[in-house]
């Protein structure tokens, strides 16, 4: 009975009901569109950065994160990585790549410079990061090559080109000398100057020979099928490998990016709540006026035997209907828009697009299509309605029957 009465009451003031519902739907549209754009951009940037360098997860020797030493290694064998390639983890881990990462002194002619040496499995690295697309001269390396790739900045500093020889000298496993003479097979342009000026790529077998590590590696780089699964998979990896292996996620591997995203997200959330605050004041005023101007009506209902708690229920149901209408309208408008931009991301142009292309990233702003994101915004709208209801309900509960019947009291 209360539901039927509440529904009929709404349409006694159609304009007020629709305007209030549309205000809620507009707030839902703007906040969900903004949050989808933010989260989509974060996910895209994290994925691009991970493929370009660290991966979403890494398996390392527990001491390696602090020491960055060639002494702190993990097995590079198939048996060691079995927990990753077997259920329940295998369906959710799309890539697992062994790497050797260490330092060396590179010299050519009369110049020398400290460099970072990456030993990789070329085919798997190419399928993961598309590193071959960054070649500007020469050819990409093969698994059995005795040649290397160098960054463009490093090649310019050492005045070397494709076919020239490069000497690498450093410290290998257990104090052995790491020294070798290698031909340059290709030159790669990296968008990040720090990497472009000091990076040397070589097949992992060649790196293991250089540093005398045998079948050991400094890390295993892992990538998941979804960013949302990283924390869950990290927990499962910790259980699978135990304390002898350190499992680090992208936030630990790239703390600067994680901090930047956290700060940007905080700003976005602040703007979202500011928007809801503005809408909330309007909603509060509407519900309060809807309550105060119906004092006489409420007085008659109470005088004819309606319990006060049922009166409060009636007001709450009316407000709930308004919120429901606003949410439905908001979702009907928002979901098709977000879905479209999820599959057809916004294309950037001009200098911003050129900058992203130089970094090896697509010049797009993707949208995240997430049920949890939608649910969170709907919860906020319903919570906002509940907060706006508290004072009007209190006023309705304390209504003076005699004054209300006279119709001369808003107090």
Protein backbone atom coordinates (compact mmCIF):
# COMPACT_ATOMS: atom_id res chain seq x y z
CA UNK A 1 0.00 0.00 0.00
CA UNK A 2 2.77 2.44 0.95
CA UNK A 3 4.64 1.68 -2.28
CA UNK A 4 1.54 2.34 -4.40
CA UNK A 5 0.82 5.56 -2.55
CA UNK A 6 4.44 6.71 -2.81
CA UNK A 7 4.51 6.07 -6.55
CA UNK A 8 1.28 8.08 -7.06
CA UNK A 9 2.62 10.94 -4.92
CA UNK A 10 5.70 11.26 -7.12
CA UNK A 11 3.69 12.13 -10.20
CA UNK A 12 1.61 14.79 -8.50
CA UNK A 13 4.66 17.01 -9.10
CA UNK A 14 6.05 15.51 -12.30
CA UNK A 15 8.45 18.37 -13.05
CA UNK A 16 10.03 18.27 -9.59
CA UNK A 17 10.37 14.48 -9.69
CA UNK A 18 11.97 14.42 -13.14
CA UNK A 19 14.32 17.33 -12.43
CA UNK A 20 15.53 15.68 -9.24
CA UNK A 21 16.01 12.33 -10.96
CA UNK A 22 17.81 13.98 -13.89
CA UNK A 23 20.15 15.79 -11.50
CA UNK A 24 21.09 12.43 -10.01
CA UNK A 25 21.48 10.83 -13.43
CA UNK A 26 23.72 13.69 -14.62
CA UNK A 27 25.94 13.30 -11.55
CA UNK A 28 26.11 9.54 -12.16
CA UNK A 29 26.95 10.07 -15.85
CA UNK A 30 29.72 12.60 -15.19
CA UNK A 31 31.30 10.68 -12.32
CA UNK A 32 31.16 7.29 -14.05
CA UNK A 33 32.49 8.73 -17.33
CA UNK A 34 35.33 10.46 -15.49
CA UNK A 35 36.24 7.44 -13.37
CA UNK A 36 36.08 5.09 -16.37
CA UNK A 37 38.42 7.39 -18.30
CA UNK A 38 40.80 7.66 -15.35
CA UNK A 39 40.93 3.96 -14.59
CA UNK A 40 41.20 3.08 -18.28
CA UNK A 41 44.14 5.46 -18.70
CA UNK A 42 45.84 4.07 -15.58
CA UNK A 43 45.40 0.49 -16.76
CA UNK A 44 46.70 1.31 -20.23
CA UNK A 45 49.76 3.19 -18.90
CA UNK A 46 50.58 0.46 -16.40
CA UNK A 47 50.27 -2.23 -19.08
CA UNK A 48 52.45 -0.27 -21.53
CA UNK A 49 55.09 0.45 -18.90
CA UNK A 50 55.11 -3.15 -17.72
CA UNK A 51 55.59 -4.53 -21.23
CA UNK A 52 58.28 -1.98 -21.90
CA UNK A 53 60.37 -2.73 -18.82
CA UNK A 54 59.42 -4.41 -15.55
CA UNK A 55 56.38 -6.62 -16.19
CA UNK A 56 53.39 -6.64 -13.84
CA UNK A 57 55.12 -9.12 -11.53
CA UNK A 58 58.68 -10.34 -11.05
CA UNK A 59 60.18 -13.32 -9.30
CA UNK A 60 63.54 -12.41 -7.78
CA UNK A 61 66.07 -13.62 -5.25
CA UNK A 62 65.03 -12.06 -1.90
CA UNK A 63 68.31 -10.12 -1.80
CA UNK A 64 68.26 -8.86 -5.38
CA UNK A 65 65.93 -5.88 -4.88
CA UNK A 66 68.44 -4.33 -2.48
CA UNK A 67 71.74 -5.55 -3.90
CA UNK A 68 71.03 -5.53 -7.66
CA UNK A 69 73.96 -7.96 -7.68
CA UNK A 70 74.69 -10.75 -10.15
CA UNK A 71 75.37 -12.90 -7.07
CA UNK A 72 71.67 -13.03 -6.14
CA UNK A 73 70.06 -15.28 -8.73
CA UNK A 74 67.21 -17.69 -9.33
CA UNK A 75 67.13 -20.90 -11.38
CA UNK A 76 66.27 -20.30 -15.02
CA UNK A 77 65.05 -23.85 -15.59
CA UNK A 78 61.65 -25.15 -16.66
CA UNK A 79 61.30 -27.08 -13.39
CA UNK A 80 61.67 -23.92 -11.32
CA UNK A 81 58.93 -22.06 -13.19
CA UNK A 82 56.48 -25.01 -13.15
CA UNK A 83 54.10 -23.39 -10.59
CA UNK A 84 53.57 -20.55 -13.08
CA UNK A 85 52.92 -22.80 -16.07
CA UNK A 86 50.55 -25.16 -14.25
CA UNK A 87 46.98 -24.64 -12.97
CA UNK A 88 45.58 -22.72 -11.18
CA UNK A 89 48.00 -19.93 -12.17
CA UNK A 90 48.61 -20.79 -15.82
CA UNK A 91 45.24 -19.57 -17.20
CA UNK A 92 45.84 -16.11 -15.73
CA UNK A 93 49.56 -15.61 -16.52
CA UNK A 94 49.93 -14.74 -20.18
CA UNK A 95 53.73 -14.30 -20.31
CA UNK A 96 56.71 -15.53 -18.28
CA UNK A 97 60.15 -14.43 -19.42
CA UNK A 98 63.58 -15.11 -17.90
CA UNK A 99 65.99 -12.18 -17.79
CA UNK A 100 69.55 -11.36 -16.86
CA UNK A 101 69.96 -7.78 -15.70
CA UNK A 102 73.38 -6.49 -14.67
CA UNK A 103 75.90 -3.71 -15.15
CA UNK A 104 79.05 -3.53 -17.23
CA UNK A 105 81.52 -1.04 -18.65
CA UNK A 106 81.06 -0.65 -22.41
CA UNK A 107 83.88 0.70 -24.54
CA UNK A 108 84.53 1.34 -28.21
CA UNK A 109 87.40 3.26 -29.79
CA UNK A 110 88.56 5.67 -27.08
CA UNK A 111 85.29 6.04 -25.18
CA UNK A 112 83.75 4.05 -22.35
CA UNK A 113 80.50 4.22 -20.39
CA UNK A 114 78.64 2.27 -17.72
CA UNK A 115 75.71 0.37 -19.20
CA UNK A 116 72.81 -1.86 -18.19
CA UNK A 117 72.94 -5.26 -19.87
CA UNK A 118 69.66 -7.08 -20.53
CA UNK A 119 69.87 -10.76 -21.38
CA UNK A 120 66.55 -11.86 -22.92
CA UNK A 121 64.92 -14.61 -24.92
CA UNK A 122 64.45 -12.65 -28.19
CA UNK A 123 61.28 -14.31 -29.50
CA UNK A 124 59.43 -14.20 -26.20
CA UNK A 125 60.61 -10.65 -25.50
CA UNK A 126 59.42 -9.51 -28.92
CA UNK A 127 55.98 -11.10 -28.49
CA UNK A 128 55.68 -9.43 -25.09
CA UNK A 129 57.05 -5.91 -25.60
CA UNK A 130 57.38 -5.48 -29.38
CA UNK A 131 60.99 -4.40 -28.92
CA UNK A 132 61.82 -5.11 -32.58
CA UNK A 133 59.52 -2.24 -33.62
CA UNK A 134 61.99 0.18 -32.03
CA UNK A 135 64.84 -0.82 -34.33
CA UNK A 136 66.17 2.12 -36.35
CA UNK A 137 69.14 0.31 -37.91
CA UNK A 138 70.31 -3.28 -38.40
CA UNK A 139 68.38 -6.41 -37.44
CA UNK A 140 66.82 -7.92 -34.36
CA UNK A 141 68.81 -10.55 -32.46
CA UNK A 142 68.19 -14.33 -32.54
CA UNK A 143 68.42 -16.77 -29.64
CA UNK A 144 71.79 -18.17 -30.79
CA UNK A 145 73.37 -14.87 -31.84
CA UNK A 146 76.74 -13.72 -30.54
CA UNK A 147 75.80 -10.14 -31.29
CA UNK A 148 74.02 -7.36 -29.36
CA UNK A 149 71.58 -4.47 -29.70
CA UNK A 150 72.42 -1.04 -28.30
CA UNK A 151 70.40 2.08 -27.57
CA UNK A 152 70.65 4.95 -30.03
CA UNK A 153 71.98 7.36 -27.40
CA UNK A 154 74.67 4.89 -26.36
CA UNK A 155 75.65 4.26 -29.98
CA UNK A 156 76.04 7.99 -30.55
CA UNK A 157 78.12 8.43 -27.40
CA UNK A 158 80.47 5.58 -28.32
CA UNK A 159 80.44 6.56 -32.02
CA UNK A 160 79.51 3.06 -33.14
CA UNK A 161 77.19 1.76 -35.83
CA UNK A 162 75.84 -1.59 -37.03
CA UNK A 163 78.72 -4.02 -37.60
CA UNK A 164 81.12 -2.29 -35.19
CA UNK A 165 82.54 -4.07 -32.17
CA UNK A 166 81.71 -3.34 -28.55
CA UNK A 167 83.70 -4.44 -25.50
CA UNK A 168 81.80 -5.26 -22.30
CA UNK A 169 83.70 -5.61 -19.04
CA UNK A 170 82.33 -6.24 -15.57
CA UNK A 171 82.06 -8.66 -12.67
CA UNK A 172 80.45 -12.04 -13.14
CA UNK A 173 78.97 -14.63 -10.81
CA UNK A 174 81.04 -15.38 -7.69
CA UNK A 175 83.70 -12.83 -8.51
CA UNK A 176 84.55 -14.10 -11.97
CA UNK A 177 85.56 -11.60 -14.61
CA UNK A 178 82.86 -10.79 -17.15
CA UNK A 179 84.47 -9.69 -20.39
CA UNK A 180 83.51 -10.06 -24.04
CA UNK A 181 83.82 -8.56 -27.50
CA UNK A 182 80.56 -8.36 -29.45
CA UNK A 183 79.42 -7.02 -32.79
CA UNK A 184 76.51 -4.59 -32.91
CA UNK A 185 73.66 -6.20 -34.85
CA UNK A 186 71.12 -3.43 -34.41
CA UNK A 187 70.44 -0.02 -32.90
CA UNK A 188 67.21 0.64 -30.98
CA UNK A 189 65.61 3.96 -30.14
CA UNK A 190 64.12 4.06 -26.64
CA UNK A 191 61.75 6.92 -25.76
CA UNK A 192 63.24 7.22 -22.27
CA UNK A 193 66.62 8.95 -22.49
CA UNK A 194 67.97 7.18 -19.40
CA UNK A 195 67.45 3.79 -21.07
CA UNK A 196 68.42 4.94 -24.57
CA UNK A 197 71.78 6.12 -23.29
CA UNK A 198 72.83 2.99 -21.43
CA UNK A 199 70.98 -0.13 -22.56
CA UNK A 200 72.53 -3.18 -24.23
CA UNK A 201 70.33 -6.14 -25.28
CA UNK A 202 71.73 -9.61 -25.90
CA UNK A 203 70.38 -13.17 -26.06
CA UNK A 204 70.04 -14.65 -22.59
CA UNK A 205 72.41 -17.54 -23.39
CA UNK A 206 75.09 -15.03 -24.34
CA UNK A 207 74.47 -13.06 -21.13
CA UNK A 208 74.69 -16.21 -19.03
CA UNK A 209 78.04 -16.98 -20.68
CA UNK A 210 79.29 -13.42 -20.14
CA UNK A 211 78.41 -13.40 -16.44
CA UNK A 212 79.13 -17.13 -15.85
CA UNK A 213 75.70 -17.70 -14.29
CA UNK A 214 75.02 -21.08 -15.86
CA UNK A 215 71.25 -21.61 -16.16
CA UNK A 216 70.50 -19.00 -13.52
CA UNK A 217 68.72 -15.66 -14.10
CA UNK A 218 68.28 -12.45 -12.11
CA UNK A 219 64.49 -12.42 -12.52
CA UNK A 220 61.42 -13.97 -14.11
CA UNK A 221 59.07 -11.36 -15.59
CA UNK A 222 55.35 -12.23 -15.46
CA UNK A 223 52.28 -10.66 -17.03
CA UNK A 224 48.67 -11.37 -16.08
CA UNK A 225 45.49 -11.38 -18.16
CA UNK A 226 43.99 -8.65 -15.97
CA UNK A 227 45.43 -5.89 -13.81
CA UNK A 228 42.77 -6.63 -11.20
CA UNK A 229 44.21 -10.10 -10.70
CA UNK A 230 47.74 -8.95 -9.84
CA UNK A 231 47.25 -8.90 -6.05
CA UNK A 232 45.50 -12.28 -6.06
CA UNK A 233 48.15 -13.90 -8.28
CA UNK A 234 50.94 -12.36 -6.22
CA UNK A 235 49.48 -13.98 -3.10
CA UNK A 236 49.27 -17.36 -4.85
CA UNK A 237 52.86 -17.03 -6.10
CA UNK A 238 54.08 -16.29 -2.58
CA UNK A 239 52.40 -19.49 -1.38
CA UNK A 240 53.75 -21.50 -4.32
CA UNK A 241 57.40 -20.39 -4.07
CA UNK A 242 57.72 -19.68 -0.35
CA UNK A 243 60.30 -17.45 1.32
CA UNK A 244 63.15 -18.40 -1.03
CA UNK A 245 61.66 -16.25 -3.79
CA UNK A 246 60.65 -12.58 -3.61
CA UNK A 247 57.46 -11.81 -5.54
CA UNK A 248 57.27 -8.10 -6.45
CA UNK A 249 54.37 -6.38 -8.20
CA UNK A 250 54.45 -3.36 -10.52
CA UNK A 251 53.89 -0.96 -7.61
CA UNK A 252 57.11 -2.15 -5.96
CA UNK A 253 58.98 -2.30 -9.26
CA UNK A 254 57.83 1.18 -10.39
CA UNK A 255 57.11 3.14 -7.19
CA UNK A 256 57.27 6.51 -8.99
CA UNK A 257 54.45 5.51 -11.34
CA UNK A 258 52.42 4.06 -8.47
CA UNK A 259 52.78 7.29 -6.50
CA UNK A 260 51.88 9.44 -9.50
CA UNK A 261 48.76 7.37 -10.18
CA UNK A 262 47.75 7.51 -6.51
CA UNK A 263 48.03 11.32 -6.49
CA UNK A 264 46.12 11.69 -9.75
CA UNK A 265 43.45 9.29 -8.54
CA UNK A 266 43.06 11.26 -5.30
CA UNK A 267 42.48 14.42 -7.34
CA UNK A 268 39.91 12.65 -9.50
CA UNK A 269 38.07 11.25 -6.47
CA UNK A 270 38.04 14.72 -4.86
CA UNK A 271 36.47 16.23 -8.00
CA UNK A 272 33.92 13.40 -8.11
CA UNK A 273 32.85 13.97 -4.50
CA UNK A 274 32.75 17.73 -5.11
CA UNK A 275 30.33 17.04 -7.95
CA UNK A 276 28.22 14.82 -5.75
CA UNK A 277 28.31 17.50 -3.05
CA UNK A 278 26.85 20.11 -5.40
CA UNK A 279 24.15 17.68 -6.55
CA UNK A 280 23.56 16.65 -2.94
CA UNK A 281 22.73 20.19 -1.83
CA UNK A 282 20.14 20.49 -4.57
CA UNK A 283 18.74 17.07 -3.73
CA UNK A 284 18.59 17.90 -0.03
CA UNK A 285 16.73 21.15 -0.72
CA UNK A 286 14.24 19.38 -2.97
CA UNK A 287 13.48 16.61 -0.48
CA UNK A 288 13.22 19.10 2.40
CA UNK A 289 10.80 21.32 0.50
CA UNK A 290 8.86 18.25 -0.60
CA UNK A 291 8.48 17.42 3.09
CA UNK A 292 7.73 20.91 4.44
CA UNK A 293 5.14 21.91 1.84
CA UNK A 294 3.16 18.77 2.57
CA UNK A 295 2.78 19.44 6.30
CA UNK A 296 -1.01 19.73 6.07
CA UNK A 297 -1.22 16.53 4.04
CA UNK A 298 0.92 14.72 6.59
CA UNK A 299 -1.19 16.14 9.44
CA UNK A 300 -4.39 14.80 7.88
CA UNK A 301 -2.79 11.39 7.38
CA UNK A 302 -1.64 11.27 11.00
CA UNK A 303 -5.04 12.46 12.26
CA UNK A 304 -6.79 9.65 10.36
CA UNK A 305 -4.65 7.03 12.07
CA UNK A 306 -1.43 6.68 10.04
CA UNK A 307 1.46 5.78 12.31
CA UNK A 308 4.44 8.14 12.31
CA UNK A 309 6.84 5.34 11.39
CA UNK A 310 4.72 4.55 8.35
CA UNK A 311 4.77 8.22 7.39
CA UNK A 312 8.57 8.14 7.52
CA UNK A 313 8.48 4.96 5.45
CA UNK A 314 6.32 6.69 2.85
CA UNK A 315 8.76 9.59 2.52
CA UNK A 316 11.71 7.19 2.33
CA UNK A 317 10.02 5.10 -0.37
CA UNK A 318 9.22 8.22 -2.43
CA UNK A 319 12.85 9.33 -2.21
CA UNK A 320 13.99 5.81 -3.04
CA UNK A 321 11.86 5.82 -6.17
CA UNK A 322 13.41 9.14 -7.23
CA UNK A 323 16.90 7.73 -6.66
CA UNK A 324 16.02 4.56 -8.58
CA UNK A 325 14.67 6.56 -11.52
CA UNK A 326 17.78 8.75 -11.49
CA UNK A 327 20.10 5.72 -11.41
CA UNK A 328 18.22 3.97 -14.23
CA UNK A 329 18.27 7.07 -16.44
CA UNK A 330 21.95 7.60 -15.62
CA UNK A 331 22.86 4.01 -16.48
CA UNK A 332 20.80 4.05 -19.69
CA UNK A 333 22.72 7.14 -20.81
CA UNK A 334 26.17 6.23 -19.45
CA UNK A 335 26.67 2.54 -20.23
CA UNK A 336 26.31 2.82 -24.03
CA UNK A 337 28.71 5.80 -24.06
CA UNK A 338 31.33 4.10 -21.90
CA UNK A 339 30.96 0.82 -23.82
CA UNK A 340 31.45 2.62 -27.14
CA UNK A 341 34.61 4.38 -25.98
CA UNK A 342 35.87 1.14 -24.41
CA UNK A 343 35.90 -0.50 -27.84
CA UNK A 344 36.62 2.75 -29.75
CA UNK A 345 39.05 4.70 -27.52
CA UNK A 346 39.37 8.45 -27.83
CA UNK A 347 42.16 9.21 -30.31
CA UNK A 348 44.68 11.87 -29.31
CA UNK A 349 46.16 14.24 -31.87
CA UNK A 350 48.89 16.85 -32.10
CA UNK A 351 51.93 17.02 -29.84
CA UNK A 352 50.40 14.78 -27.17
CA UNK A 353 49.82 12.01 -29.71
CA UNK A 354 53.35 12.42 -31.09
CA UNK A 355 54.84 12.19 -27.61
CA UNK A 356 52.96 8.97 -26.87
CA UNK A 357 53.98 7.47 -30.22
CA UNK A 358 57.63 8.26 -29.47
CA UNK A 359 57.24 6.40 -26.18
CA UNK A 360 55.97 3.39 -28.10
CA UNK A 361 52.42 3.76 -26.79
CA UNK A 362 49.16 4.14 -28.70
CA UNK A 363 47.89 7.77 -28.66
CA UNK A 364 44.54 6.86 -27.14
CA UNK A 365 42.48 7.38 -23.99
CA UNK A 366 40.72 4.05 -23.33
CA UNK A 367 37.69 3.61 -21.09
CA UNK A 368 37.50 0.92 -18.45
CA UNK A 369 34.35 -1.18 -18.59
CA UNK A 370 33.99 -2.56 -15.07
CA UNK A 371 30.95 -3.81 -13.16
CA UNK A 372 32.60 -2.92 -9.82
CA UNK A 373 33.17 0.67 -11.01
CA UNK A 374 29.49 1.01 -11.95
CA UNK A 375 28.38 -0.57 -8.69
CA UNK A 376 30.55 1.83 -6.66
CA UNK A 377 28.97 4.87 -8.32
CA UNK A 378 25.45 3.51 -7.81
CA UNK A 379 26.24 2.94 -4.13
CA UNK A 380 27.43 6.54 -3.84
CA UNK A 381 24.20 7.84 -5.38
CA UNK A 382 22.08 5.75 -3.03
CA UNK A 383 24.23 6.78 -0.07
CA UNK A 384 23.84 10.42 -1.07
CA UNK A 385 20.07 10.01 -1.14
CA UNK A 386 20.12 8.41 2.32
CA UNK A 387 22.17 11.28 3.78
CA UNK A 388 19.85 13.87 2.23
CA UNK A 389 16.87 12.07 3.77
CA UNK A 390 18.01 12.18 7.38
CA UNK A 391 17.01 15.73 8.27
CA UNK A 392 13.67 15.74 6.36
CA UNK A 393 12.74 12.47 8.08
CA UNK A 394 13.59 13.97 11.46
CA UNK A 395 11.44 17.02 10.68
CA UNK A 396 8.55 14.82 9.56
CA UNK A 397 8.81 12.70 12.70
CA UNK A 398 8.64 15.79 14.95
CA UNK A 399 5.69 17.34 13.11
CA UNK A 400 3.16 19.06 15.37
CA UNK A 401 -0.25 17.67 14.49
CA UNK A 402 -2.34 20.76 15.39
CA UNK A 403 -0.04 23.20 13.61
CA UNK A 404 0.16 20.93 10.58
CA UNK A 405 -3.64 20.71 10.31
CA UNK A 406 -3.87 24.51 10.45
CA UNK A 407 -1.29 24.64 7.68
CA UNK A 408 0.54 27.55 9.30
CA UNK A 409 3.84 25.93 10.38
CA UNK A 410 7.01 25.10 8.51
CA UNK A 411 8.95 25.03 11.76
